Amino acid sequence: MDEHEWSQISEKELEAWRRRVALVETLLDEHIGEQERRSARWSYQREQGVGERTVRNYLKRYRDGGPLALLSRRGGAKTPSARIHDEALAERILALIEESPRRTVPQLRRIITAEKEHQEAIEAVSDRTIYRYLSEHGLNQRQRAGKVTDGGRRSFHQFQASASMELVQGDARDGIWLPDGESGKVRKTYLFAWIDDYSRRILAARYFFNEKLPCMEQTFKTMVLRWGIPKKCYLDYPDKNQMPKSIALSFRRSEIAMKTSA
């Protein structure tokens, strides 16, 4: 394709194409764990509003014609780099994994995209590139899980509390598939939970049929009603402005200290 054809594609179309390429290359990479590939597929389908049939079509087009076959119109763009050349971005990725080894690549991208100094750099690399970068540094899915469960518990050193309710941690993850009582269909759930850093007791946990912020708010309220107000809270958000509104309001009205992943 010549330079003129490249220039005819809008930034919006290029971004959509990059996302399709990143998804397909992630799904086809056997070095990536099945759970993370499944999570990437579900996340893309939710964000883009497409079904399983569309994703299968992407896979077929990629196998038949390569990355350019995923363009929605004639034209193309350069395939995202196979390596992370921005040193600051590379260091930030490793730092986030060291801080919390169970972070997935989509979570890393969400955190880093919110950081202005890294926005441009993170958009230039695909999820598959990040997976490969982590693998090259001994941080594939299994190795990251090992960092959490090893005897030193390195990922929790900066948070180890000395008493119950001194520090609580809230997070969400993909849940199991359950039947929806209203529609009768089997739907994917999302688990929202709060855990006490000192005792590792689960203070509140609940499955929801969506992963919107009010779900975290509901479990936060349940925790406070059952166990009282904690001294400190940790949430995996880049900054406090992205936190659920009612939780942020609770912190402003009380003496709860807030920790974020920033």
C-alpha atoms as a PDB file:
ATOM      1  CA  MET A   1       0.000   0.000   0.000  1.00  0.00           C
ATOM      2  CA  ASP A   2       1.279   3.500  -0.837  1.00  0.00           C
ATOM      3  CA  GLU A   3       1.451   6.554   1.401  1.00  0.00           C
ATOM      4  CA  HIS A   4      -1.726   8.043  -0.048  1.00  0.00           C
ATOM      5  CA  GLU A   5      -3.787   4.991   0.861  1.00  0.00           C
ATOM      6  CA  TRP A   6      -2.460   5.063   4.407  1.00  0.00           C
ATOM      7  CA  SER A   7      -3.433   8.711   4.768  1.00  0.00           C
ATOM      8  CA  GLN A   8      -7.061   8.013   3.812  1.00  0.00           C
ATOM      9  CA  ILE A   9      -7.713   6.097   7.038  1.00  0.00           C
ATOM     10  CA  SER A  10      -8.974   8.117  10.005  1.00  0.00           C
ATOM     11  CA  GLU A  11      -7.437   7.909  13.468  1.00  0.00           C
ATOM     12  CA  LYS A  12     -10.624   6.289  14.735  1.00  0.00           C
ATOM     13  CA  GLU A  13     -10.408   3.540  12.120  1.00  0.00           C
ATOM     14  CA  LEU A  14      -6.717   2.996  12.848  1.00  0.00           C
ATOM     15  CA  GLU A  15      -7.400   2.658  16.565  1.00  0.00           C
ATOM     16  CA  ALA A  16     -10.212   0.139  15.926  1.00  0.00           C
ATOM     17  CA  TRP A  17      -7.879  -1.837  13.683  1.00  0.00           C
ATOM     18  CA  ARG A  18      -5.098  -1.850  16.280  1.00  0.00           C
ATOM     19  CA  ARG A  19      -7.532  -3.203  18.855  1.00  0.00           C
ATOM     20  CA  ARG A  20      -8.646  -5.986  16.501  1.00  0.00           C
ATOM     21  CA  VAL A  21      -5.047  -6.950  15.741  1.00  0.00           C
ATOM     22  CA  ALA A  22      -4.119  -6.915  19.439  1.00  0.00           C
ATOM     23  CA  LEU A  23      -7.080  -9.136  20.290  1.00  0.00           C
ATOM     24  CA  VAL A  24      -6.466 -11.685  17.530  1.00  0.00           C
ATOM     25  CA  GLU A  25      -2.711 -11.915  18.157  1.00  0.00           C
ATOM     26  CA  THR A  26      -3.401 -12.414  21.857  1.00  0.00           C
ATOM     27  CA  LEU A  27      -5.913 -15.200  21.162  1.00  0.00           C
ATOM     28  CA  LEU A  28      -3.530 -16.978  18.781  1.00  0.00           C
ATOM     29  CA  ASP A  29      -0.455 -16.757  21.014  1.00  0.00           C
ATOM     30  CA  GLU A  30      -0.049 -20.136  22.750  1.00  0.00           C
ATOM     31  CA  HIS A  31       2.460 -18.640  25.202  1.00  0.00           C
ATOM     32  CA  ILE A  32      -0.382 -16.700  26.841  1.00  0.00           C
ATOM     33  CA  GLY A  33      -2.448 -18.553  29.431  1.00  0.00           C
ATOM     34  CA  GLU A  34      -5.929 -19.728  28.479  1.00  0.00           C
ATOM     35  CA  GLN A  35      -7.535 -17.726  31.282  1.00  0.00           C
ATOM     36  CA  GLU A  36      -5.930 -14.465  30.170  1.00  0.00           C
ATOM     37  CA  ARG A  37      -6.847 -15.116  26.531  1.00  0.00           C
ATOM     38  CA  ARG A  38     -10.449 -15.774  27.549  1.00  0.00           C
ATOM     39  CA  SER A  39     -10.478 -12.608  29.664  1.00  0.00           C
ATOM     40  CA  ALA A  40      -9.121 -10.559  26.740  1.00  0.00           C
ATOM     41  CA  ARG A  41     -11.840 -11.943  24.461  1.00  0.00           C
ATOM     42  CA  TRP A  42     -14.646 -11.164  26.923  1.00  0.00           C
ATOM     43  CA  SER A  43     -13.304  -7.666  27.628  1.00  0.00           C
ATOM     44  CA  TYR A  44     -13.149  -6.844  23.923  1.00  0.00           C
ATOM     45  CA  GLN A  45     -16.675  -8.155  23.287  1.00  0.00           C
ATOM     46  CA  ARG A  46     -18.065  -6.062  26.150  1.00  0.00           C
ATOM     47  CA  GLU A  47     -16.230  -2.886  25.143  1.00  0.00           C
ATOM     48  CA  GLN A  48     -16.987  -3.143  21.425  1.00  0.00           C
ATOM     49  CA  GLY A  49     -20.461  -4.655  21.677  1.00  0.00           C
ATOM     50  CA  VAL A  50     -19.672  -7.573  19.365  1.00  0.00           C
ATOM     51  CA  GLY A  51     -20.513 -11.255  19.643  1.00  0.00           C
ATOM     52  CA  GLU A  52     -18.596 -14.505  19.509  1.00  0.00           C
ATOM     53  CA  ARG A  53     -19.305 -14.864  15.787  1.00  0.00           C
ATOM     54  CA  THR A  54     -17.557 -11.554  15.053  1.00  0.00           C
ATOM     55  CA  VAL A  55     -14.442 -12.624  16.945  1.00  0.00           C
ATOM     56  CA  ARG A  56     -14.355 -15.927  15.037  1.00  0.00           C
ATOM     57  CA  ASN A  57     -14.577 -13.916  11.819  1.00  0.00           C
ATOM     58  CA  TYR A  58     -11.595 -11.804  12.913  1.00  0.00           C
ATOM     59  CA  LEU A  59      -9.575 -14.969  13.551  1.00  0.00           C
ATOM     60  CA  LYS A  60     -10.413 -16.398  10.118  1.00  0.00           C
ATOM     61  CA  ARG A  61      -9.582 -13.154   8.311  1.00  0.00           C
ATOM     62  CA  TYR A  62      -6.266 -12.885  10.158  1.00  0.00           C
ATOM     63  CA  ARG A  63      -5.289 -16.474   9.322  1.00  0.00           C
ATOM     64  CA  ASP A  64      -6.209 -15.959   5.657  1.00  0.00           C
ATOM     65  CA  GLY A  65      -4.760 -12.513   5.064  1.00  0.00           C
ATOM     66  CA  GLY A  66      -2.712 -11.370   8.054  1.00  0.00           C
ATOM     67  CA  PRO A  67      -3.170  -8.131  10.050  1.00  0.00           C
ATOM     68  CA  LEU A  68      -4.220  -6.005   7.057  1.00  0.00           C
ATOM     69  CA  ALA A  69      -7.207  -8.291   6.500  1.00  0.00           C
ATOM     70  CA  LEU A  70      -8.700  -6.888   9.725  1.00  0.00           C
ATOM     71  CA  LEU A  71      -9.110  -3.415   8.272  1.00  0.00           C
ATOM     72  CA  SER A  72     -12.769  -2.488   7.893  1.00  0.00           C
ATOM     73  CA  ARG A  73     -11.958  -0.599   4.695  1.00  0.00           C
ATOM     74  CA  ARG A  74      -9.151  -0.585   2.172  1.00  0.00           C
ATOM     75  CA  GLY A  75      -6.043   0.779   3.757  1.00  0.00           C
ATOM     76  CA  GLY A  76      -3.875  -0.094   6.674  1.00  0.00           C
ATOM     77  CA  ALA A  77      -1.419   0.930   9.324  1.00  0.00           C
ATOM     78  CA  LYS A  78       1.840  -0.288  10.672  1.00  0.00           C
ATOM     79  CA  THR A  79       1.572  -3.304  12.887  1.00  0.00           C
ATOM     80  CA  PRO A  80       2.315  -2.409  16.520  1.00  0.00           C
ATOM     81  CA  SER A  81       5.932  -2.939  17.508  1.00  0.00           C
ATOM     82  CA  ALA A  82       6.887  -6.418  18.681  1.00  0.00           C
ATOM     83  CA  ARG A  83       9.058  -4.868  21.405  1.00  0.00           C
ATOM     84  CA  ILE A  84       8.642  -2.094  23.962  1.00  0.00           C
ATOM     85  CA  HIS A  85      11.203   0.545  23.020  1.00  0.00           C
ATOM     86  CA  ASP A  86      10.107   3.217  25.498  1.00  0.00           C
ATOM     87  CA  GLU A  87      12.291   2.615  28.569  1.00  0.00           C
ATOM     88  CA  ALA A  88      10.045   4.590  30.911  1.00  0.00           C
ATOM     89  CA  LEU A  89       7.016   2.543  29.858  1.00  0.00           C
ATOM     90  CA  ALA A  90       8.931  -0.726  30.228  1.00  0.00           C
ATOM     91  CA  GLU A  91      10.025   0.218  33.744  1.00  0.00           C
ATOM     92  CA  ARG A  92       6.487   1.266  34.672  1.00  0.00           C
ATOM     93  CA  ILE A  93       5.058  -2.092  33.555  1.00  0.00           C
ATOM     94  CA  LEU A  94       7.597  -4.005  35.648  1.00  0.00           C
ATOM     95  CA  ALA A  95       6.970  -1.749  38.649  1.00  0.00           C
ATOM     96  CA  LEU A  96       3.206  -2.338  38.500  1.00  0.00           C
ATOM     97  CA  ILE A  97       3.712  -6.099  38.297  1.00  0.00           C
ATOM     98  CA  GLU A  98       6.159  -6.032  41.194  1.00  0.00           C
ATOM     99  CA  GLU A  99       3.614  -4.082  43.219  1.00  0.00           C
ATOM    100  CA  SER A 100       0.781  -6.528  42.420  1.00  0.00           C
ATOM    101  CA  PRO A 101       1.863  -9.648  40.444  1.00  0.00           C
ATOM    102  CA  ARG A 102      -1.709 -10.791  39.768  1.00  0.00           C
ATOM    103  CA  ARG A 103      -2.454  -7.770  37.591  1.00  0.00           C
ATOM    104  CA  THR A 104      -3.513  -8.796  34.101  1.00  0.00           C
ATOM    105  CA  VAL A 105      -2.376  -7.078  30.911  1.00  0.00           C
ATOM    106  CA  PRO A 106      -5.792  -5.364  30.442  1.00  0.00           C
ATOM    107  CA  GLN A 107      -5.479  -4.021  33.996  1.00  0.00           C
ATOM    108  CA  LEU A 108      -1.963  -2.768  33.278  1.00  0.00           C
ATOM    109  CA  ARG A 109      -3.191  -1.005  30.158  1.00  0.00           C
ATOM    110  CA  ARG A 110      -6.089   0.617  32.049  1.00  0.00           C
ATOM    111  CA  ILE A 111      -3.771   1.951  34.765  1.00  0.00           C
ATOM    112  CA  ILE A 112      -1.033   3.187  32.445  1.00  0.00           C
ATOM    113  CA  THR A 113      -3.446   4.770  29.942  1.00  0.00           C
ATOM    114  CA  ALA A 114      -4.673   7.020  32.749  1.00  0.00           C
ATOM    115  CA  GLU A 115      -1.115   8.282  33.312  1.00  0.00           C
ATOM    116  CA  LYS A 116      -0.493  11.219  30.972  1.00  0.00           C
ATOM    117  CA  GLU A 117       3.250  10.661  30.745  1.00  0.00           C
ATOM    118  CA  HIS A 118       2.746   7.141  29.350  1.00  0.00           C
ATOM    119  CA  GLN A 119      -0.468   7.487  27.303  1.00  0.00           C
ATOM    120  CA  GLU A 120       1.195   7.831  23.906  1.00  0.00           C
ATOM    121  CA  ALA A 121       3.708   5.061  24.557  1.00  0.00           C
ATOM    122  CA  ILE A 122       1.159   2.490  25.777  1.00  0.00           C
ATOM    123  CA  GLU A 123      -1.082   3.118  22.762  1.00  0.00           C
ATOM    124  CA  ALA A 124       1.816   2.229  20.444  1.00  0.00           C
ATOM    125  CA  VAL A 125       2.122  -1.351  21.725  1.00  0.00           C
ATOM    126  CA  SER A 126      -0.333  -4.238  21.589  1.00  0.00           C
ATOM    127  CA  ASP A 127      -1.400  -6.480  24.457  1.00  0.00           C
ATOM    128  CA  ARG A 128       0.515  -9.315  22.822  1.00  0.00           C
ATOM    129  CA  THR A 129       3.708  -7.230  22.972  1.00  0.00           C
ATOM    130  CA  ILE A 130       3.196  -6.667  26.689  1.00  0.00           C
ATOM    131  CA  TYR A 131       2.584 -10.400  27.263  1.00  0.00           C
ATOM    132  CA  ARG A 132       5.813 -11.208  25.444  1.00  0.00           C
ATOM    133  CA  TYR A 133       7.740  -8.533  27.317  1.00  0.00           C
ATOM    134  CA  LEU A 134       6.619  -9.941  30.660  1.00  0.00           C
ATOM    135  CA  SER A 135       7.456 -13.473  29.549  1.00  0.00           C
ATOM    136  CA  GLU A 136      10.949 -12.396  28.493  1.00  0.00           C
ATOM    137  CA  HIS A 137      11.475 -10.997  31.997  1.00  0.00           C
ATOM    138  CA  GLY A 138      10.371 -14.190  33.723  1.00  0.00           C
ATOM    139  CA  LEU A 139       6.890 -12.853  34.447  1.00  0.00           C
ATOM    140  CA  ASN A 140       4.459 -15.053  32.541  1.00  0.00           C
ATOM    141  CA  GLN A 141       1.121 -15.905  34.158  1.00  0.00           C
ATOM    142  CA  ARG A 142       2.437 -18.854  36.180  1.00  0.00           C
ATOM    143  CA  GLN A 143       5.547 -17.009  37.328  1.00  0.00           C
ATOM    144  CA  ARG A 144       3.524 -13.998  38.434  1.00  0.00           C
ATOM    145  CA  ALA A 145       1.245 -16.258  40.457  1.00  0.00           C
ATOM    146  CA  GLY A 146       4.344 -17.724  42.100  1.00  0.00           C
ATOM    147  CA  LYS A 147       5.437 -14.268  43.249  1.00  0.00           C
ATOM    148  CA  VAL A 148       2.162 -13.944  45.154  1.00  0.00           C
ATOM    149  CA  THR A 149       2.317 -17.313  46.899  1.00  0.00           C
ATOM    150  CA  ASP A 150       6.046 -17.539  47.676  1.00  0.00           C
ATOM    151  CA  GLY A 151       7.213 -17.556  51.273  1.00  0.00           C
ATOM    152  CA  GLY A 152       8.315 -13.935  51.209  1.00  0.00           C
ATOM    153  CA  ARG A 153       4.926 -12.610  50.020  1.00  0.00           C
ATOM    154  CA  ARG A 154       6.864  -9.845  48.270  1.00  0.00           C
ATOM    155  CA  SER A 155       3.812  -8.367  46.632  1.00  0.00           C
ATOM    156  CA  PHE A 156       2.332  -7.535  50.051  1.00  0.00           C
ATOM    157  CA  HIS A 157       5.392  -6.135  51.821  1.00  0.00           C
ATOM    158  CA  GLN A 158       4.368  -2.528  51.445  1.00  0.00           C
ATOM    159  CA  PHE A 159       0.863  -3.236  52.756  1.00  0.00           C
ATOM    160  CA  GLN A 160       1.349  -5.663  55.677  1.00  0.00           C
ATOM    161  CA  ALA A 161      -0.879  -4.348  58.444  1.00  0.00           C
ATOM    162  CA  SER A 162      -0.290  -4.859  62.161  1.00  0.00           C
ATOM    163  CA  ALA A 163      -3.958  -5.247  63.173  1.00  0.00           C
ATOM    164  CA  SER A 164      -7.371  -6.065  61.738  1.00  0.00           C
ATOM    165  CA  MET A 165      -9.165  -3.241  59.889  1.00  0.00           C
ATOM    166  CA  GLU A 166      -5.971  -1.220  59.790  1.00  0.00           C
ATOM    167  CA  LEU A 167      -5.895  -1.752  56.029  1.00  0.00           C
ATOM    168  CA  VAL A 168      -8.490  -3.306  53.727  1.00  0.00           C
ATOM    169  CA  GLN A 169      -8.121  -4.034  50.030  1.00  0.00           C
ATOM    170  CA  GLY A 170     -10.902  -3.991  47.431  1.00  0.00           C
ATOM    171  CA  ASP A 171     -10.804  -5.487  43.951  1.00  0.00           C
ATOM    172  CA  ALA A 172     -12.888  -7.175  41.240  1.00  0.00           C
ATOM    173  CA  ARG A 173     -12.304 -10.087  38.896  1.00  0.00           C
ATOM    174  CA  ASP A 174     -14.083 -12.285  36.370  1.00  0.00           C
ATOM    175  CA  GLY A 175     -16.496 -14.671  38.058  1.00  0.00           C
ATOM    176  CA  ILE A 176     -18.382 -17.834  37.171  1.00  0.00           C
ATOM    177  CA  TRP A 177     -21.276 -18.282  34.757  1.00  0.00           C
ATOM    178  CA  LEU A 178     -24.662 -18.375  36.482  1.00  0.00           C
ATOM    179  CA  PRO A 179     -28.320 -18.390  35.365  1.00  0.00           C
ATOM    180  CA  ASP A 180     -30.014 -15.001  35.411  1.00  0.00           C
ATOM    181  CA  GLY A 181     -33.252 -15.243  37.390  1.00  0.00           C
ATOM    182  CA  GLU A 182     -34.894 -12.549  35.252  1.00  0.00           C
ATOM    183  CA  SER A 183     -34.045 -13.735  31.735  1.00  0.00           C
ATOM    184  CA  GLY A 184     -33.304 -17.372  32.498  1.00  0.00           C
ATOM    185  CA  LYS A 185     -30.124 -17.166  30.430  1.00  0.00           C
ATOM    186  CA  VAL A 186     -26.712 -18.214  31.722  1.00  0.00           C
ATOM    187  CA  ARG A 187     -24.555 -15.104  32.057  1.00  0.00           C
ATOM    188  CA  LYS A 188     -21.039 -14.286  33.109  1.00  0.00           C
ATOM    189  CA  THR A 189     -20.621 -12.817  36.598  1.00  0.00           C
ATOM    190  CA  TYR A 190     -18.030 -10.560  38.220  1.00  0.00           C
ATOM    191  CA  LEU A 191     -16.811 -10.987  41.781  1.00  0.00           C
ATOM    192  CA  PHE A 192     -16.332  -7.849  43.904  1.00  0.00           C
ATOM    193  CA  ALA A 193     -14.671  -8.320  47.279  1.00  0.00           C
ATOM    194  CA  TRP A 194     -12.948  -6.620  50.207  1.00  0.00           C
ATOM    195  CA  ILE A 195     -10.275  -8.374  52.272  1.00  0.00           C
ATOM    196  CA  ASP A 196      -8.567  -7.503  55.552  1.00  0.00           C
ATOM    197  CA  ASP A 197      -4.825  -7.185  54.958  1.00  0.00           C
ATOM    198  CA  TYR A 198      -3.850  -8.410  58.438  1.00  0.00           C
ATOM    199  CA  SER A 199      -6.053 -11.492  58.882  1.00  0.00           C
ATOM    200  CA  ARG A 200      -6.765 -12.136  55.159  1.00  0.00           C
ATOM    201  CA  ARG A 201     -10.441 -12.419  56.181  1.00  0.00           C
ATOM    202  CA  ILE A 202     -12.952 -11.753  53.395  1.00  0.00           C
ATOM    203  CA  LEU A 203     -14.967  -8.839  54.752  1.00  0.00           C
ATOM    204  CA  ALA A 204     -17.525  -8.643  51.948  1.00  0.00           C
ATOM    205  CA  ALA A 205     -17.922 -10.379  48.596  1.00  0.00           C
ATOM    206  CA  ARG A 206     -20.670 -10.673  46.034  1.00  0.00           C
ATOM    207  CA  TYR A 207     -21.204 -11.765  42.428  1.00  0.00           C
ATOM    208  CA  PHE A 208     -22.805  -9.298  39.996  1.00  0.00           C
ATOM    209  CA  PHE A 209     -23.900  -9.602  36.364  1.00  0.00           C
ATOM    210  CA  ASN A 210     -21.908  -6.472  35.443  1.00  0.00           C
ATOM    211  CA  GLU A 211     -18.625  -4.856  36.460  1.00  0.00           C
ATOM    212  CA  LYS A 212     -19.807  -1.288  36.895  1.00  0.00           C
ATOM    213  CA  LEU A 213     -18.523   0.845  39.758  1.00  0.00           C
ATOM    214  CA  PRO A 214     -21.759   0.780  41.828  1.00  0.00           C
ATOM    215  CA  CYS A 215     -21.042  -2.905  42.475  1.00  0.00           C
ATOM    216  CA  MET A 216     -17.850  -1.964  44.326  1.00  0.00           C
ATOM    217  CA  GLU A 217     -19.817   0.671  46.214  1.00  0.00           C
ATOM    218  CA  GLN A 218     -22.391  -1.890  47.378  1.00  0.00           C
ATOM    219  CA  THR A 219     -19.772  -4.287  48.706  1.00  0.00           C
ATOM    220  CA  PHE A 220     -17.967  -1.397  50.411  1.00  0.00           C
ATOM    221  CA  LYS A 221     -21.169  -0.451  52.249  1.00  0.00           C
ATOM    222  CA  THR A 222     -21.739  -4.091  53.253  1.00  0.00           C
ATOM    223  CA  MET A 223     -18.217  -4.286  54.672  1.00  0.00           C
ATOM    224  CA  VAL A 224     -18.645  -1.114  56.725  1.00  0.00           C
ATOM    225  CA  LEU A 225     -22.027  -2.249  58.118  1.00  0.00           C
ATOM    226  CA  ARG A 226     -20.618  -5.645  59.146  1.00  0.00           C
ATOM    227  CA  TRP A 227     -17.133  -4.775  60.360  1.00  0.00           C
ATOM    228  CA  GLY A 228     -16.974  -1.013  60.873  1.00  0.00           C
ATOM    229  CA  ILE A 229     -14.892   1.721  59.237  1.00  0.00           C
ATOM    230  CA  PRO A 230     -11.290   0.759  58.323  1.00  0.00           C
ATOM    231  CA  LYS A 231      -8.348   3.085  58.906  1.00  0.00           C
ATOM    232  CA  LYS A 232      -6.974   2.679  55.384  1.00  0.00           C
ATOM    233  CA  CYS A 233      -8.256   1.354  52.065  1.00  0.00           C
ATOM    234  CA  TYR A 234      -6.422   0.188  48.951  1.00  0.00           C
ATOM    235  CA  LEU A 235      -8.073   0.121  45.518  1.00  0.00           C
ATOM    236  CA  ASP A 236      -6.472  -0.662  42.175  1.00  0.00           C
ATOM    237  CA  TYR A 237      -7.193   2.723  40.597  1.00  0.00           C
ATOM    238  CA  PRO A 238      -4.579   5.034  39.012  1.00  0.00           C
ATOM    239  CA  ASP A 239      -5.869   8.000  41.031  1.00  0.00           C
ATOM    240  CA  LYS A 240      -8.652   8.913  43.436  1.00  0.00           C
ATOM    241  CA  ASN A 241     -10.642  10.782  40.771  1.00  0.00           C
ATOM    242  CA  GLN A 242     -11.447   7.462  39.058  1.00  0.00           C
ATOM    243  CA  MET A 243     -12.825   5.815  42.173  1.00  0.00           C
ATOM    244  CA  PRO A 244     -16.557   5.128  42.714  1.00  0.00           C
ATOM    245  CA  LYS A 245     -18.179   8.385  43.845  1.00  0.00           C
ATOM    246  CA  SER A 246     -19.772   7.130  47.063  1.00  0.00           C
ATOM    247  CA  ILE A 247     -16.501   5.545  48.206  1.00  0.00           C
ATOM    248  CA  ALA A 248     -14.554   8.724  47.486  1.00  0.00           C
ATOM    249  CA  LEU A 249     -17.216  10.716  49.371  1.00  0.00           C
ATOM    250  CA  SER A 250     -16.921   8.374  52.357  1.00  0.00           C
ATOM    251  CA  PHE A 251     -13.193   9.023  52.515  1.00  0.00           C
ATOM    252  CA  ARG A 252     -13.687  12.792  52.415  1.00  0.00           C
ATOM    253  CA  ARG A 253     -16.232  12.651  55.269  1.00  0.00           C
ATOM    254  CA  SER A 254     -14.139  10.444  57.496  1.00  0.00           C
ATOM    255  CA  GLU A 255     -10.520   9.882  58.455  1.00  0.00           C
ATOM    256  CA  ILE A 256     -10.027   6.890  56.155  1.00  0.00           C
ATOM    257  CA  ALA A 257      -6.672   7.037  54.385  1.00  0.00           C
ATOM    258  CA  MET A 258      -6.827   6.102  50.701  1.00  0.00           C
ATOM    259  CA  LYS A 259      -4.173   4.181  48.774  1.00  0.00           C
ATOM    260  CA  THR A 260      -4.256   3.809  44.987  1.00  0.00           C
ATOM    261  CA  SER A 261      -1.998   1.995  42.524  1.00  0.00           C
ATOM    262  CA  ALA A 262      -0.364   5.267  41.468  1.00  0.00           C
END
